Every structure is written in structure tokens, then in C-alpha cells.
C-alpha atoms as a PDB file:
ATOM      1  CA  MET A   1     -40.156  24.301  73.514  1.00  0.00           C
ATOM      2  CA  LEU A   2     -40.559  28.036  73.835  1.00  0.00           C
ATOM      3  CA  LEU A   3     -38.674  28.773  70.514  1.00  0.00           C
ATOM      4  CA  ARG A   4     -40.720  26.201  68.686  1.00  0.00           C
ATOM      5  CA  LEU A   5     -44.013  27.579  70.011  1.00  0.00           C
ATOM      6  CA  ILE A   6     -43.058  31.250  69.244  1.00  0.00           C
ATOM      7  CA  ARG A   7     -42.261  30.261  65.672  1.00  0.00           C
ATOM      8  CA  GLY A   8     -45.343  28.133  64.990  1.00  0.00           C
ATOM      9  CA  GLY A   9     -47.936  28.563  67.680  1.00  0.00           C
ATOM     10  CA  SER A  10     -50.322  31.078  69.094  1.00  0.00           C
ATOM     11  CA  MET A  11     -49.674  33.389  72.066  1.00  0.00           C
ATOM     12  CA  LEU A  12     -51.908  31.252  74.207  1.00  0.00           C
ATOM     13  CA  GLU A  13     -49.881  28.149  73.326  1.00  0.00           C
ATOM     14  CA  ALA A  14     -46.636  29.987  74.055  1.00  0.00           C
ATOM     15  CA  LEU A  15     -47.853  31.103  77.474  1.00  0.00           C
ATOM     16  CA  VAL A  16     -49.095  27.670  78.452  1.00  0.00           C
ATOM     17  CA  GLY A  17     -45.847  26.278  77.155  1.00  0.00           C
ATOM     18  CA  VAL A  18     -43.899  28.611  79.401  1.00  0.00           C
ATOM     19  CA  PHE A  19     -45.979  27.661  82.558  1.00  0.00           C
ATOM     20  CA  SER A  20     -45.669  23.929  81.733  1.00  0.00           C
ATOM     21  CA  SER A  21     -41.933  24.259  81.325  1.00  0.00           C
ATOM     22  CA  ILE A  22     -41.717  26.068  84.741  1.00  0.00           C
ATOM     23  CA  PHE A  23     -43.782  23.303  86.251  1.00  0.00           C
ATOM     24  CA  VAL A  24     -41.470  20.638  84.818  1.00  0.00           C
ATOM     25  CA  VAL A  25     -38.349  22.520  86.086  1.00  0.00           C
ATOM     26  CA  PHE A  26     -39.557  22.854  89.614  1.00  0.00           C
ATOM     27  CA  CYS A  27     -41.832  19.874  90.152  1.00  0.00           C
ATOM     28  CA  THR A  28     -40.800  17.044  87.763  1.00  0.00           C
ATOM     29  CA  LEU A  29     -37.075  17.596  87.170  1.00  0.00           C
ATOM     30  CA  PRO A  30     -36.274  17.198  90.875  1.00  0.00           C
ATOM     31  CA  ILE A  31     -38.181  13.803  90.670  1.00  0.00           C
ATOM     32  CA  HIS A  32     -35.746  12.745  87.958  1.00  0.00           C
ATOM     33  CA  GLU A  33     -32.758  13.470  90.184  1.00  0.00           C
ATOM     34  CA  PHE A  34     -34.521  12.131  93.265  1.00  0.00           C
ATOM     35  CA  ALA A  35     -35.031   8.805  91.357  1.00  0.00           C
ATOM     36  CA  HIS A  36     -31.288   8.587  90.787  1.00  0.00           C
ATOM     37  CA  ALA A  37     -30.623   9.233  94.426  1.00  0.00           C
ATOM     38  CA  VAL A  38     -33.181   6.760  95.649  1.00  0.00           C
ATOM     39  CA  ALA A  39     -31.826   4.060  93.237  1.00  0.00           C
ATOM     40  CA  ALA A  40     -28.221   4.659  94.435  1.00  0.00           C
ATOM     41  CA  ASP A  41     -29.209   4.567  98.029  1.00  0.00           C
ATOM     42  CA  LYS A  42     -31.293   1.368  97.654  1.00  0.00           C
ATOM     43  CA  LEU A  43     -28.277  -0.198  95.910  1.00  0.00           C
ATOM     44  CA  GLY A  44     -25.970   0.503  98.851  1.00  0.00           C
ATOM     45  CA  ASP A  45     -24.345   3.918  98.088  1.00  0.00           C
ATOM     46  CA  PRO A  46     -25.166   6.648 100.624  1.00  0.00           C
ATOM     47  CA  THR A  47     -23.304   9.421  98.708  1.00  0.00           C
ATOM     48  CA  ALA A  48     -26.381  11.282  97.401  1.00  0.00           C
ATOM     49  CA  ARG A  49     -28.088  11.082 100.861  1.00  0.00           C
ATOM     50  CA  ARG A  50     -25.053  12.453 102.610  1.00  0.00           C
ATOM     51  CA  GLN A  51     -24.761  15.362 100.083  1.00  0.00           C
ATOM     52  CA  GLY A  52     -28.433  16.251 100.595  1.00  0.00           C
ATOM     53  CA  ARG A  53     -29.530  15.049  97.155  1.00  0.00           C
ATOM     54  CA  LEU A  54     -32.057  12.425  98.509  1.00  0.00           C
ATOM     55  CA  THR A  55     -34.714  15.170  98.476  1.00  0.00           C
ATOM     56  CA  LEU A  56     -37.530  16.581  96.171  1.00  0.00           C
ATOM     57  CA  ASN A  57     -36.394  20.134  97.019  1.00  0.00           C
ATOM     58  CA  PRO A  58     -35.781  21.640  93.572  1.00  0.00           C
ATOM     59  CA  LEU A  59     -33.060  24.052  94.858  1.00  0.00           C
ATOM     60  CA  ALA A  60     -30.833  20.950  95.553  1.00  0.00           C
ATOM     61  CA  HIS A  61     -31.062  19.703  91.965  1.00  0.00           C
ATOM     62  CA  LEU A  62     -31.462  22.552  89.535  1.00  0.00           C
ATOM     63  CA  ASP A  63     -28.785  23.618  87.062  1.00  0.00           C
ATOM     64  CA  LEU A  64     -29.166  27.188  85.492  1.00  0.00           C
ATOM     65  CA  TRP A  65     -28.180  26.217  81.937  1.00  0.00           C
ATOM     66  CA  GLY A  66     -30.089  22.986  82.019  1.00  0.00           C
ATOM     67  CA  CYS A  67     -33.288  24.850  83.106  1.00  0.00           C
ATOM     68  CA  LEU A  68     -32.864  27.464  80.340  1.00  0.00           C
ATOM     69  CA  MET A  69     -32.514  24.646  77.772  1.00  0.00           C
ATOM     70  CA  ILE A  70     -35.751  23.208  78.884  1.00  0.00           C
ATOM     71  CA  LEU A  71     -37.503  26.468  78.606  1.00  0.00           C
ATOM     72  CA  LEU A  72     -36.057  27.363  75.164  1.00  0.00           C
ATOM     73  CA  VAL A  73     -35.835  23.993  73.293  1.00  0.00           C
ATOM     74  CA  GLY A  74     -37.641  21.384  75.553  1.00  0.00           C
ATOM     75  CA  TYR A  75     -34.489  19.384  76.364  1.00  0.00           C
ATOM     76  CA  GLY A  76     -32.242  19.968  79.340  1.00  0.00           C
ATOM     77  CA  TYR A  77     -30.764  18.542  82.521  1.00  0.00           C
ATOM     78  CA  ALA A  78     -30.254  19.129  86.306  1.00  0.00           C
ATOM     79  CA  LYS A  79     -27.107  18.845  88.394  1.00  0.00           C
ATOM     80  CA  PRO A  80     -26.055  15.162  88.158  1.00  0.00           C
ATOM     81  CA  VAL A  81     -26.607  13.251  91.456  1.00  0.00           C
ATOM     82  CA  PRO A  82     -23.184  12.018  92.804  1.00  0.00           C
ATOM     83  CA  PHE A  83     -22.600   8.363  93.478  1.00  0.00           C
ATOM     84  CA  ASN A  84     -19.748   6.002  94.153  1.00  0.00           C
ATOM     85  CA  MET A  85     -20.018   2.872  91.989  1.00  0.00           C
ATOM     86  CA  ARG A  86     -17.567   1.173  94.311  1.00  0.00           C
ATOM     87  CA  ASN A  87     -20.376   0.876  96.924  1.00  0.00           C
ATOM     88  CA  PHE A  88     -22.538  -1.239  94.594  1.00  0.00           C
ATOM     89  CA  LYS A  89     -22.222  -5.038  94.740  1.00  0.00           C
ATOM     90  CA  ASN A  90     -22.123  -5.038  90.927  1.00  0.00           C
ATOM     91  CA  PRO A  91     -20.481  -1.649  90.192  1.00  0.00           C
ATOM     92  CA  LYS A  92     -21.275  -1.401  86.449  1.00  0.00           C
ATOM     93  CA  GLY A  93     -24.795  -2.893  86.750  1.00  0.00           C
ATOM     94  CA  GLY A  94     -25.573  -0.657  89.650  1.00  0.00           C
ATOM     95  CA  MET A  95     -24.298   2.458  87.711  1.00  0.00           C
ATOM     96  CA  ALA A  96     -26.546   1.492  84.829  1.00  0.00           C
ATOM     97  CA  LEU A  97     -29.613   1.018  87.069  1.00  0.00           C
ATOM     98  CA  VAL A  98     -28.983   4.393  88.795  1.00  0.00           C
ATOM     99  CA  ALA A  99     -28.674   6.121  85.421  1.00  0.00           C
ATOM    100  CA  LEU A 100     -31.868   4.400  84.064  1.00  0.00           C
ATOM    101  CA  ALA A 101     -33.919   5.469  87.072  1.00  0.00           C
ATOM    102  CA  GLY A 102     -34.042   9.125  85.956  1.00  0.00           C
ATOM    103  CA  PRO A 103     -35.380   8.690  82.401  1.00  0.00           C
ATOM    104  CA  VAL A 104     -37.813   5.899  83.592  1.00  0.00           C
ATOM    105  CA  SER A 105     -39.269   8.462  86.122  1.00  0.00           C
ATOM    106  CA  ASN A 106     -39.763  10.988  83.270  1.00  0.00           C
ATOM    107  CA  LEU A 107     -41.653   8.378  81.192  1.00  0.00           C
ATOM    108  CA  LEU A 108     -43.884   7.466  84.131  1.00  0.00           C
ATOM    109  CA  MET A 109     -44.617  11.123  84.799  1.00  0.00           C
ATOM    110  CA  ALA A 110     -45.361  11.670  81.015  1.00  0.00           C
ATOM    111  CA  PHE A 111     -47.818   8.764  81.085  1.00  0.00           C
ATOM    112  CA  VAL A 112     -49.672  10.222  84.130  1.00  0.00           C
ATOM    113  CA  PHE A 113     -49.862  13.625  82.512  1.00  0.00           C
ATOM    114  CA  LEU A 114     -51.255  12.101  79.403  1.00  0.00           C
ATOM    115  CA  ILE A 115     -53.980  10.292  81.345  1.00  0.00           C
ATOM    116  CA  ILE A 116     -54.859  13.618  82.935  1.00  0.00           C
ATOM    117  CA  TYR A 117     -54.815  15.261  79.519  1.00  0.00           C
ATOM    118  CA  ARG A 118     -57.247  12.623  78.272  1.00  0.00           C
ATOM    119  CA  ILE A 119     -59.578  13.026  81.302  1.00  0.00           C
ATOM    120  CA  CYS A 120     -59.531  16.756  80.889  1.00  0.00           C
ATOM    121  CA  ALA A 121     -60.606  16.351  77.211  1.00  0.00           C
ATOM    122  CA  VAL A 122     -63.446  14.051  78.246  1.00  0.00           C
ATOM    123  CA  PHE A 123     -64.900  15.828  81.204  1.00  0.00           C
ATOM    124  CA  LEU A 124     -64.372  19.514  80.704  1.00  0.00           C
ATOM    125  CA  ASN A 125     -66.518  19.460  77.523  1.00  0.00           C
ATOM    126  CA  ASN A 126     -64.327  21.505  75.032  1.00  0.00           C
ATOM    127  CA  THR A 127     -64.509  24.626  77.075  1.00  0.00           C
ATOM    128  CA  ASP A 128     -61.641  27.272  77.011  1.00  0.00           C
ATOM    129  CA  LEU A 129     -60.565  26.003  80.483  1.00  0.00           C
ATOM    130  CA  ALA A 130     -60.401  22.526  78.976  1.00  0.00           C
ATOM    131  CA  HIS A 131     -58.196  23.743  76.190  1.00  0.00           C
ATOM    132  CA  VAL A 132     -55.849  25.292  78.556  1.00  0.00           C
ATOM    133  CA  PHE A 133     -55.683  22.320  80.909  1.00  0.00           C
ATOM    134  CA  CYS A 134     -55.217  19.971  77.931  1.00  0.00           C
ATOM    135  CA  LEU A 135     -52.378  22.046  76.549  1.00  0.00           C
ATOM    136  CA  PHE A 136     -50.648  22.257  79.926  1.00  0.00           C
ATOM    137  CA  PHE A 137     -50.653  18.587  80.667  1.00  0.00           C
ATOM    138  CA  PHE A 138     -49.897  17.623  77.089  1.00  0.00           C
ATOM    139  CA  TYR A 139     -46.851  20.028  77.010  1.00  0.00           C
ATOM    140  CA  ALA A 140     -45.780  18.703  80.420  1.00  0.00           C
ATOM    141  CA  ALA A 141     -45.959  15.141  79.100  1.00  0.00           C
ATOM    142  CA  SER A 142     -44.106  16.094  75.952  1.00  0.00           C
ATOM    143  CA  ILE A 143     -41.246  17.767  77.857  1.00  0.00           C
ATOM    144  CA  ASN A 144     -40.927  14.762  80.190  1.00  0.00           C
ATOM    145  CA  VAL A 145     -40.720  12.424  77.111  1.00  0.00           C
ATOM    146  CA  SER A 146     -38.078  14.793  75.529  1.00  0.00           C
ATOM    147  CA  LEU A 147     -36.136  14.734  78.845  1.00  0.00           C
ATOM    148  CA  ALA A 148     -36.059  10.963  78.865  1.00  0.00           C
ATOM    149  CA  VAL A 149     -34.944  10.679  75.176  1.00  0.00           C
ATOM    150  CA  PHE A 150     -32.323  13.371  75.669  1.00  0.00           C
ATOM    151  CA  ASN A 151     -30.930  11.947  78.836  1.00  0.00           C
ATOM    152  CA  LEU A 152     -30.597   8.484  77.168  1.00  0.00           C
ATOM    153  CA  LEU A 153     -28.121   9.882  74.688  1.00  0.00           C
ATOM    154  CA  PRO A 154     -24.720   8.111  75.170  1.00  0.00           C
ATOM    155  CA  ILE A 155     -23.002  11.383  75.720  1.00  0.00           C
ATOM    156  CA  PRO A 156     -21.336  12.406  79.096  1.00  0.00           C
ATOM    157  CA  PRO A 157     -22.694  13.382  81.559  1.00  0.00           C
ATOM    158  CA  LEU A 158     -26.058  12.297  80.440  1.00  0.00           C
ATOM    159  CA  ASP A 159     -27.618   9.140  81.868  1.00  0.00           C
ATOM    160  CA  GLY A 160     -27.237   7.275  78.541  1.00  0.00           C
ATOM    161  CA  SER A 161     -23.430   7.578  78.763  1.00  0.00           C
ATOM    162  CA  ARG A 162     -23.446   5.795  82.203  1.00  0.00           C
ATOM    163  CA  ILE A 163     -25.604   3.039  80.701  1.00  0.00           C
ATOM    164  CA  ALA A 164     -23.467   2.615  77.633  1.00  0.00           C
ATOM    165  CA  PHE A 165     -20.107   2.855  79.504  1.00  0.00           C
ATOM    166  CA  ALA A 166     -21.330   0.177  81.911  1.00  0.00           C
ATOM    167  CA  LEU A 167     -20.661  -2.128  78.878  1.00  0.00           C
ATOM    168  CA  ILE A 168     -17.099  -0.931  78.188  1.00  0.00           C
ATOM    169  CA  PRO A 169     -13.746  -1.305  80.051  1.00  0.00           C
ATOM    170  CA  ASN A 170     -13.129   1.126  82.931  1.00  0.00           C
ATOM    171  CA  GLN A 171     -10.043   2.669  81.408  1.00  0.00           C
ATOM    172  CA  TYR A 172     -12.055   3.920  78.377  1.00  0.00           C
ATOM    173  CA  TYR A 173     -14.858   5.220  80.530  1.00  0.00           C
ATOM    174  CA  TYR A 174     -12.558   7.253  82.802  1.00  0.00           C
ATOM    175  CA  LYS A 175     -10.528   8.586  79.729  1.00  0.00           C
ATOM    176  CA  ILE A 176     -13.794   9.838  78.205  1.00  0.00           C
ATOM    177  CA  MET A 177     -15.071  11.385  81.320  1.00  0.00           C
ATOM    178  CA  GLN A 178     -11.985  13.574  81.563  1.00  0.00           C
ATOM    179  CA  TYR A 179     -13.430  15.528  78.728  1.00  0.00           C
ATOM    180  CA  GLU A 180     -16.993  15.663  80.199  1.00  0.00           C
ATOM    181  CA  ARG A 181     -17.041  19.463  80.553  1.00  0.00           C
ATOM    182  CA  TYR A 182     -16.033  20.057  76.986  1.00  0.00           C
ATOM    183  CA  ILE A 183     -18.502  17.434  75.643  1.00  0.00           C
ATOM    184  CA  MET A 184     -21.256  19.211  77.557  1.00  0.00           C
ATOM    185  CA  ILE A 185     -20.427  22.639  76.059  1.00  0.00           C
ATOM    186  CA  ALA A 186     -20.431  21.060  72.566  1.00  0.00           C
ATOM    187  CA  LEU A 187     -23.751  19.384  73.365  1.00  0.00           C
ATOM    188  CA  PHE A 188     -25.245  22.709  74.540  1.00  0.00           C
ATOM    189  CA  VAL A 189     -24.136  24.399  71.256  1.00  0.00           C
ATOM    190  CA  LEU A 190     -25.584  21.663  69.198  1.00  0.00           C
ATOM    191  CA  MET A 191     -28.918  21.899  70.979  1.00  0.00           C
ATOM    192  CA  LEU A 192     -29.170  25.642  70.648  1.00  0.00           C
ATOM    193  CA  THR A 193     -28.335  25.547  67.015  1.00  0.00           C
ATOM    194  CA  GLY A 194     -30.864  22.743  66.336  1.00  0.00           C
ATOM    195  CA  ALA A 195     -28.443  20.284  65.043  1.00  0.00           C
ATOM    196  CA  LEU A 196     -29.891  17.553  67.240  1.00  0.00           C
ATOM    197  CA  SER A 197     -33.423  18.625  67.013  1.00  0.00           C
ATOM    198  CA  LEU A 198     -34.494  16.353  64.044  1.00  0.00           C
ATOM    199  CA  PRO A 199     -33.424  13.027  65.517  1.00  0.00           C
ATOM    200  CA  LEU A 200     -34.511  13.920  69.110  1.00  0.00           C
ATOM    201  CA  ASN A 201     -37.929  15.338  67.882  1.00  0.00           C
ATOM    202  CA  PHE A 202     -38.511  12.157  65.808  1.00  0.00           C
ATOM    203  CA  LEU A 203     -37.823   9.836  68.708  1.00  0.00           C
ATOM    204  CA  SER A 204     -39.742  11.962  71.191  1.00  0.00           C
ATOM    205  CA  GLU A 205     -42.794  12.304  68.981  1.00  0.00           C
ATOM    206  CA  ALA A 206     -42.884   8.538  68.274  1.00  0.00           C
ATOM    207  CA  LEU A 207     -42.658   7.795  72.037  1.00  0.00           C
ATOM    208  CA  MET A 208     -45.359  10.417  72.712  1.00  0.00           C
ATOM    209  CA  ARG A 209     -47.717   8.762  70.218  1.00  0.00           C
ATOM    210  CA  LEU A 210     -47.226   5.427  71.896  1.00  0.00           C
ATOM    211  CA  LEU A 211     -47.840   6.734  75.424  1.00  0.00           C
ATOM    212  CA  ASN A 212     -50.808   8.846  74.308  1.00  0.00           C
ATOM    213  CA  ALA A 213     -52.395   5.773  72.657  1.00  0.00           C
ATOM    214  CA  LEU A 214     -51.970   3.795  75.918  1.00  0.00           C
ATOM    215  CA  ALA A 215     -53.507   6.621  77.967  1.00  0.00           C
ATOM    216  CA  SER A 216     -56.373   6.876  75.563  1.00  0.00           C
ATOM    217  CA  LEU A 217     -57.121   3.205  75.971  1.00  0.00           C
ATOM    218  CA  ILE A 218     -56.967   3.475  79.730  1.00  0.00           C
ATOM    219  CA  VAL A 219     -59.352   6.465  79.919  1.00  0.00           C
ATOM    220  CA  ARG A 220     -61.720   4.988  77.470  1.00  0.00           C
ATOM    221  CA  GLY A 221     -61.886   1.771  79.466  1.00  0.00           C
ATOM    222  CA  ALA A 222     -62.507   3.676  82.709  1.00  0.00           C
ATOM    223  CA  VAL A 223     -65.324   5.818  81.328  1.00  0.00           C
END
């Protein structure tokens, strides 16, 4: 996010981008992990609750490298919420639902931010303050959409891997997870070099257009 704005945006856009990224890191990224913890707890696994992860406290969830990635490129992650799939009535189905809860929370937050963005555009009458508020909530929505798309990649330890691996035999899943740390390092390198930027940006922008159009329809209908 910040690298993109520095290359192609104004100083104001870069500053607003920094503040919206910090807002996402400390206020919405914990909601992503909290959603995982709530889903696991409701499905019968108390692991996250016992380890203090059933909370909105950002200090319980944040990962330094994942936060830096959000600030620099708009994609990142937090510390994965622990869970024991053996505690679910349907282990693989439960794992998939817990994994899906995080990205869904990001999309819901993005939709709310886009509604606020549209309301600011209508009621603040194109003032400088309106421009700042609109940028802030638009960037916050954009980062949340990017987080949802990024976390749905079928790559360990991202949420998409847990959804995808719910469909394959256990032995293959556990074998792949043995290399989770090395896969994450490779993913980090790919993100910083921009190798994944084109497909991720394409998917994120398409989803942003859809959510923005829906938010626009809601605000127009309300006013």
C-alpha cells in the first residue's frame, strides 16, 4: 500500500494511506483473528479461548512481519489462531468454516467502510475534510479486501490452505504443513518483489468494484 502510494500518489494520499494501514493493523486485523477464535469456540474447540485469543486486544494477535507487509504492500497477516480440529464434530468441515470466518469478516468490514466512504462523499460536500475522510475509509476498505483475497490463497499457513486442505486426505495435509515456515518465507519474498501483485491486485480491484457498487446503491436508496 505505502510503496504503491509513494510511487504514484501525492504526499496527502501517502499519509492517509499510512494512517488507514495503522487503523487496519490495530482495529480490523484483530477482528479477523477474533472471528477465527469465535468460530472455533462455537464449533466446540476451546483452544483459542484457553490461549487468550478470544479477544479483540490487538497485542494478542499481531505479527511484526505481517503488519509490515500490510503497511508496505497492502497484504499481510496476523498470528494464526490455534485450534484443534479433533474437537469439531466434523473435523474437516469445522476447519474450513473456522478458516473462512477471517476473510468473511474482512469483506464485511470493507463493505461497512465503503458505505461510510459513500456517506462522507454525499454529506461533507467536497471539502478538504471530505477528501481526507473519503480517502481514509476507501483505503481501509481496499486493505480489508486485499487481506481477504490474500488470506484465501491456498498456501500454508493462510486461511485458503485450510479450506483447500479440508478437501484432501489428511496425510497430504500434514506433509505439506511440515514445510509451512519455508513456504511462508517464500511467500514473503514473492510479496516484497511484487511477483504476486498482478493477480492479487486484479482480484482485489474486481471485488472492490463490486462492493463499492453495492454500497453506492444502499446509500443512494437511503438518501
